[in-house]
């Protein structure tokens, strides 16, 4: 497996996770589940950071 393949696979999984977070939030009640929504949003931010890291390294390969 080449570095490009690994970068692509990781990027795909991160994008899938990001979509899962977004979909999950849309199914939650804004007031009743505000603490869970907040936690998912934090995971989303972390995922976006990981995606940015993978995008930067992808430019090198």
C-alpha atoms as a PDB file:
ATOM      1  CA  UNK A   1       0.000   0.000   0.000  1.00  0.00           C
ATOM      2  CA  UNK A   2       1.338   3.416  -0.969  1.00  0.00           C
ATOM      3  CA  UNK A   3       1.253   6.545   1.232  1.00  0.00           C
ATOM      4  CA  UNK A   4      -1.314   8.092  -1.141  1.00  0.00           C
ATOM      5  CA  UNK A   5      -3.620   5.112  -0.574  1.00  0.00           C
ATOM      6  CA  UNK A   6      -3.360   5.398   3.179  1.00  0.00           C
ATOM      7  CA  UNK A   7      -3.973   9.138   3.091  1.00  0.00           C
ATOM      8  CA  UNK A   8      -7.003   8.604   0.864  1.00  0.00           C
ATOM      9  CA  UNK A   9      -8.450   5.864   3.114  1.00  0.00           C
ATOM     10  CA  UNK A  10      -8.013   7.920   6.252  1.00  0.00           C
ATOM     11  CA  UNK A  11      -9.496  10.994   4.598  1.00  0.00           C
ATOM     12  CA  UNK A  12     -12.524   9.006   3.443  1.00  0.00           C
ATOM     13  CA  UNK A  13     -13.142   7.637   6.942  1.00  0.00           C
ATOM     14  CA  UNK A  14     -12.823  11.096   8.466  1.00  0.00           C
ATOM     15  CA  UNK A  15     -15.327  12.483   5.967  1.00  0.00           C
ATOM     16  CA  UNK A  16     -17.712   9.625   6.776  1.00  0.00           C
ATOM     17  CA  UNK A  17     -17.381  10.392  10.473  1.00  0.00           C
ATOM     18  CA  UNK A  18     -18.051  14.066   9.807  1.00  0.00           C
ATOM     19  CA  UNK A  19     -21.254  13.178   7.954  1.00  0.00           C
ATOM     20  CA  UNK A  20     -22.280  10.864  10.775  1.00  0.00           C
ATOM     21  CA  UNK A  21     -21.853  13.701  13.273  1.00  0.00           C
ATOM     22  CA  UNK A  22     -23.907  16.075  11.151  1.00  0.00           C
ATOM     23  CA  UNK A  23     -26.675  13.518  10.627  1.00  0.00           C
ATOM     24  CA  UNK A  24     -26.743  12.615  14.304  1.00  0.00           C
ATOM     25  CA  UNK A  25     -27.165  16.211  15.376  1.00  0.00           C
ATOM     26  CA  UNK A  26     -30.073  16.654  12.993  1.00  0.00           C
ATOM     27  CA  UNK A  27     -31.959  13.819  14.753  1.00  0.00           C
ATOM     28  CA  UNK A  28     -31.572  15.251  18.234  1.00  0.00           C
ATOM     29  CA  UNK A  29     -33.814  17.660  20.070  1.00  0.00           C
ATOM     30  CA  UNK A  30     -31.976  20.993  20.445  1.00  0.00           C
ATOM     31  CA  UNK A  31     -32.975  21.595  24.074  1.00  0.00           C
ATOM     32  CA  UNK A  32     -33.346  18.099  25.472  1.00  0.00           C
ATOM     33  CA  UNK A  33     -30.067  16.895  23.994  1.00  0.00           C
ATOM     34  CA  UNK A  34     -28.035  20.089  24.139  1.00  0.00           C
ATOM     35  CA  UNK A  35     -25.172  18.467  26.078  1.00  0.00           C
ATOM     36  CA  UNK A  36     -24.916  15.629  23.562  1.00  0.00           C
ATOM     37  CA  UNK A  37     -25.108  18.059  20.652  1.00  0.00           C
ATOM     38  CA  UNK A  38     -22.324  20.099  22.196  1.00  0.00           C
ATOM     39  CA  UNK A  39     -20.152  16.993  22.535  1.00  0.00           C
ATOM     40  CA  UNK A  40     -20.824  15.930  18.956  1.00  0.00           C
ATOM     41  CA  UNK A  41     -19.994  19.436  17.734  1.00  0.00           C
ATOM     42  CA  UNK A  42     -16.678  19.235  19.560  1.00  0.00           C
ATOM     43  CA  UNK A  43     -15.984  15.892  17.860  1.00  0.00           C
ATOM     44  CA  UNK A  44     -16.872  17.549  14.560  1.00  0.00           C
ATOM     45  CA  UNK A  45     -14.318  20.302  15.172  1.00  0.00           C
ATOM     46  CA  UNK A  46     -11.655  17.744  16.030  1.00  0.00           C
ATOM     47  CA  UNK A  47     -12.509  15.771  12.910  1.00  0.00           C
ATOM     48  CA  UNK A  48     -12.211  18.893  10.758  1.00  0.00           C
ATOM     49  CA  UNK A  49      -8.771  19.474  12.276  1.00  0.00           C
ATOM     50  CA  UNK A  50      -7.787  15.915  11.371  1.00  0.00           C
ATOM     51  CA  UNK A  51      -9.088  16.414   7.838  1.00  0.00           C
ATOM     52  CA  UNK A  52      -6.993  19.575   7.534  1.00  0.00           C
ATOM     53  CA  UNK A  53      -3.915  17.672   8.704  1.00  0.00           C
ATOM     54  CA  UNK A  54      -4.535  14.951   6.125  1.00  0.00           C
ATOM     55  CA  UNK A  55      -5.072  17.556   3.391  1.00  0.00           C
ATOM     56  CA  UNK A  56      -1.755  19.209   4.238  1.00  0.00           C
ATOM     57  CA  UNK A  57       0.152  15.931   4.174  1.00  0.00           C
ATOM     58  CA  UNK A  58      -1.603  14.892   0.947  1.00  0.00           C
ATOM     59  CA  UNK A  59       0.038  17.875  -0.769  1.00  0.00           C
ATOM     60  CA  UNK A  60       3.437  16.356  -0.001  1.00  0.00           C
ATOM     61  CA  UNK A  61       2.602  12.989  -1.597  1.00  0.00           C
END
